[in-house]
N, C-alpha and C. Protein backbone atom coordinates (compact mmCIF):
# COMPACT_ATOMS: atom_id res chain seq x y z
N MET A 1 131.54 54.57 98.72
CA MET A 1 132.64 53.85 99.35
C MET A 1 133.75 53.63 98.32
N ALA A 2 134.94 54.05 98.67
CA ALA A 2 136.09 53.90 97.79
C ALA A 2 136.64 52.48 97.85
N GLU A 3 137.42 52.14 96.84
CA GLU A 3 138.10 50.84 96.84
C GLU A 3 139.08 50.81 98.00
N LYS A 4 139.13 49.69 98.68
CA LYS A 4 140.01 49.58 99.85
C LYS A 4 141.48 49.53 99.44
N VAL A 5 142.31 50.05 100.33
CA VAL A 5 143.76 50.04 100.15
C VAL A 5 144.37 49.32 101.35
N VAL A 6 145.65 49.00 101.25
CA VAL A 6 146.32 48.26 102.32
C VAL A 6 147.16 49.19 103.18
N ASP A 7 146.97 49.11 104.48
CA ASP A 7 147.80 49.83 105.45
C ASP A 7 149.21 49.25 105.32
N PRO A 8 150.21 50.06 104.96
CA PRO A 8 151.57 49.53 104.74
C PRO A 8 152.26 49.02 106.00
N VAL A 9 151.76 49.35 107.16
CA VAL A 9 152.38 48.91 108.40
C VAL A 9 151.87 47.53 108.82
N CYS A 10 150.56 47.38 108.88
CA CYS A 10 150.01 46.13 109.41
C CYS A 10 149.39 45.22 108.36
N GLY A 11 149.16 45.74 107.15
CA GLY A 11 148.59 44.92 106.08
C GLY A 11 147.08 44.86 106.07
N MET A 12 146.44 45.56 106.98
CA MET A 12 144.97 45.56 107.06
C MET A 12 144.38 46.37 105.91
N GLU A 13 143.22 45.91 105.38
CA GLU A 13 142.53 46.68 104.35
C GLU A 13 141.82 47.86 105.00
N VAL A 14 141.93 49.03 104.35
CA VAL A 14 141.38 50.27 104.89
C VAL A 14 140.59 50.98 103.79
N ASP A 15 139.44 51.54 104.15
CA ASP A 15 138.66 52.37 103.23
C ASP A 15 139.23 53.79 103.32
N PRO A 16 139.77 54.33 102.23
CA PRO A 16 140.37 55.67 102.28
C PRO A 16 139.38 56.75 102.75
N ASP A 17 138.10 56.56 102.48
CA ASP A 17 137.10 57.57 102.87
C ASP A 17 136.89 57.63 104.38
N THR A 18 137.16 56.54 105.08
CA THR A 18 136.90 56.50 106.52
C THR A 18 138.14 56.16 107.35
N ALA A 19 139.30 56.10 106.72
CA ALA A 19 140.54 55.76 107.44
C ALA A 19 140.79 56.74 108.57
N PRO A 20 141.13 56.23 109.76
CA PRO A 20 141.38 57.11 110.90
C PRO A 20 142.66 57.94 110.80
N ALA A 21 143.54 57.59 109.86
CA ALA A 21 144.80 58.33 109.73
C ALA A 21 145.33 58.21 108.31
N LYS A 22 146.05 59.25 107.87
CA LYS A 22 146.69 59.21 106.55
C LYS A 22 147.96 60.04 106.60
N SER A 23 148.85 59.74 105.67
CA SER A 23 150.13 60.44 105.62
C SER A 23 150.55 60.61 104.17
N ASP A 24 151.12 61.75 103.84
CA ASP A 24 151.63 62.01 102.50
C ASP A 24 153.14 61.78 102.54
N TYR A 25 153.61 60.89 101.67
CA TYR A 25 155.03 60.61 101.59
C TYR A 25 155.44 60.57 100.13
N LYS A 26 156.37 61.43 99.77
CA LYS A 26 156.87 61.54 98.39
C LYS A 26 155.73 61.71 97.39
N GLY A 27 154.72 62.51 97.78
CA GLY A 27 153.62 62.81 96.87
C GLY A 27 152.52 61.77 96.79
N LYS A 28 152.61 60.71 97.57
CA LYS A 28 151.57 59.68 97.58
C LYS A 28 150.95 59.64 98.98
N ILE A 29 149.63 59.49 99.02
CA ILE A 29 148.94 59.41 100.30
C ILE A 29 148.79 57.95 100.70
N TYR A 30 149.17 57.65 101.93
CA TYR A 30 149.02 56.32 102.50
C TYR A 30 147.98 56.40 103.61
N TYR A 31 147.16 55.35 103.71
CA TYR A 31 146.07 55.31 104.68
C TYR A 31 146.33 54.23 105.72
N PHE A 32 145.87 54.49 106.95
CA PHE A 32 146.18 53.61 108.07
C PHE A 32 144.93 53.24 108.86
N CYS A 33 144.97 52.08 109.47
CA CYS A 33 143.84 51.58 110.27
C CYS A 33 143.76 52.27 111.61
N ALA A 34 144.85 52.87 112.06
CA ALA A 34 144.90 53.53 113.37
C ALA A 34 146.02 54.56 113.38
N PRO A 35 145.89 55.58 114.21
CA PRO A 35 146.97 56.57 114.32
C PRO A 35 148.32 55.96 114.70
N SER A 36 148.30 54.86 115.44
CA SER A 36 149.57 54.24 115.83
C SER A 36 150.31 53.68 114.62
N CYS A 37 149.57 53.17 113.63
CA CYS A 37 150.23 52.69 112.40
C CYS A 37 150.84 53.86 111.64
N LYS A 38 150.12 54.98 111.58
CA LYS A 38 150.65 56.17 110.93
C LYS A 38 151.94 56.62 111.62
N ASP A 39 151.93 56.64 112.94
CA ASP A 39 153.13 57.06 113.69
C ASP A 39 154.32 56.16 113.39
N GLU A 40 154.10 54.85 113.34
CA GLU A 40 155.18 53.90 113.02
C GLU A 40 155.70 54.15 111.61
N PHE A 41 154.79 54.33 110.65
CA PHE A 41 155.16 54.59 109.27
C PHE A 41 156.03 55.83 109.16
N GLU A 42 155.63 56.90 109.82
CA GLU A 42 156.35 58.17 109.70
C GLU A 42 157.73 58.15 110.35
N LYS A 43 157.99 57.21 111.24
CA LYS A 43 159.33 57.07 111.82
C LYS A 43 160.33 56.59 110.78
N ASP A 44 159.89 55.71 109.85
CA ASP A 44 160.78 55.13 108.85
C ASP A 44 159.97 54.59 107.68
N PRO A 45 159.43 55.48 106.82
CA PRO A 45 158.56 55.04 105.73
C PRO A 45 159.18 53.99 104.82
N GLU A 46 160.45 54.13 104.50
CA GLU A 46 161.09 53.19 103.58
C GLU A 46 161.08 51.76 104.12
N ARG A 47 161.13 51.62 105.42
CA ARG A 47 161.07 50.28 106.04
C ARG A 47 159.79 49.56 105.63
N TYR A 48 158.69 50.29 105.60
CA TYR A 48 157.40 49.68 105.30
C TYR A 48 157.09 49.61 103.81
N LEU A 49 157.78 50.40 103.01
CA LEU A 49 157.53 50.39 101.58
C LEU A 49 158.47 49.46 100.82
N SER A 50 159.58 49.10 101.43
CA SER A 50 160.57 48.30 100.71
C SER A 50 160.61 46.84 101.17
N THR A 51 159.77 46.46 102.13
CA THR A 51 159.76 45.08 102.61
C THR A 51 158.35 44.52 102.53
N GLU A 52 158.21 43.26 102.86
CA GLU A 52 156.89 42.64 102.80
C GLU A 52 155.92 43.32 103.75
N LYS A 53 154.66 43.35 103.34
CA LYS A 53 153.63 44.04 104.09
C LYS A 53 153.03 43.12 105.15
N GLY A 54 152.36 43.73 106.10
CA GLY A 54 151.56 42.97 107.04
C GLY A 54 152.34 42.33 108.17
N ARG A 55 152.90 43.11 109.04
CA ARG A 55 153.66 42.59 110.18
C ARG A 55 152.76 42.31 111.37
N GLY A 56 151.50 42.56 111.23
CA GLY A 56 150.58 42.41 112.37
C GLY A 56 150.19 43.79 112.87
N CYS A 57 148.98 43.92 113.28
CA CYS A 57 148.47 45.23 113.66
C CYS A 57 149.19 45.77 114.89
N CYS A 58 149.43 47.06 114.87
CA CYS A 58 150.18 47.70 115.95
C CYS A 58 149.28 48.46 116.90
N ARG A 59 148.01 48.26 116.83
CA ARG A 59 147.08 49.02 117.70
C ARG A 59 147.32 48.73 119.14
C-alpha cells in the first residue's frame, strides 16, 4: 500500500495504487477518488492547483 495522496478537487485522501482515476498534468500524476473528480480537474487544472483544496466531494 502506497502512501496516500490528496485528491486536488475534493480533498479526499486517495491510495495511488487503487485510485479509480488519475491524470498527468505538466509531468506530474494526480490521483482522484472518482472519475468525476478527474473530469472536473481536467476542465481547469490550475483552478484546483492554485487555490485551497477540498471543496467537497463531487461524486
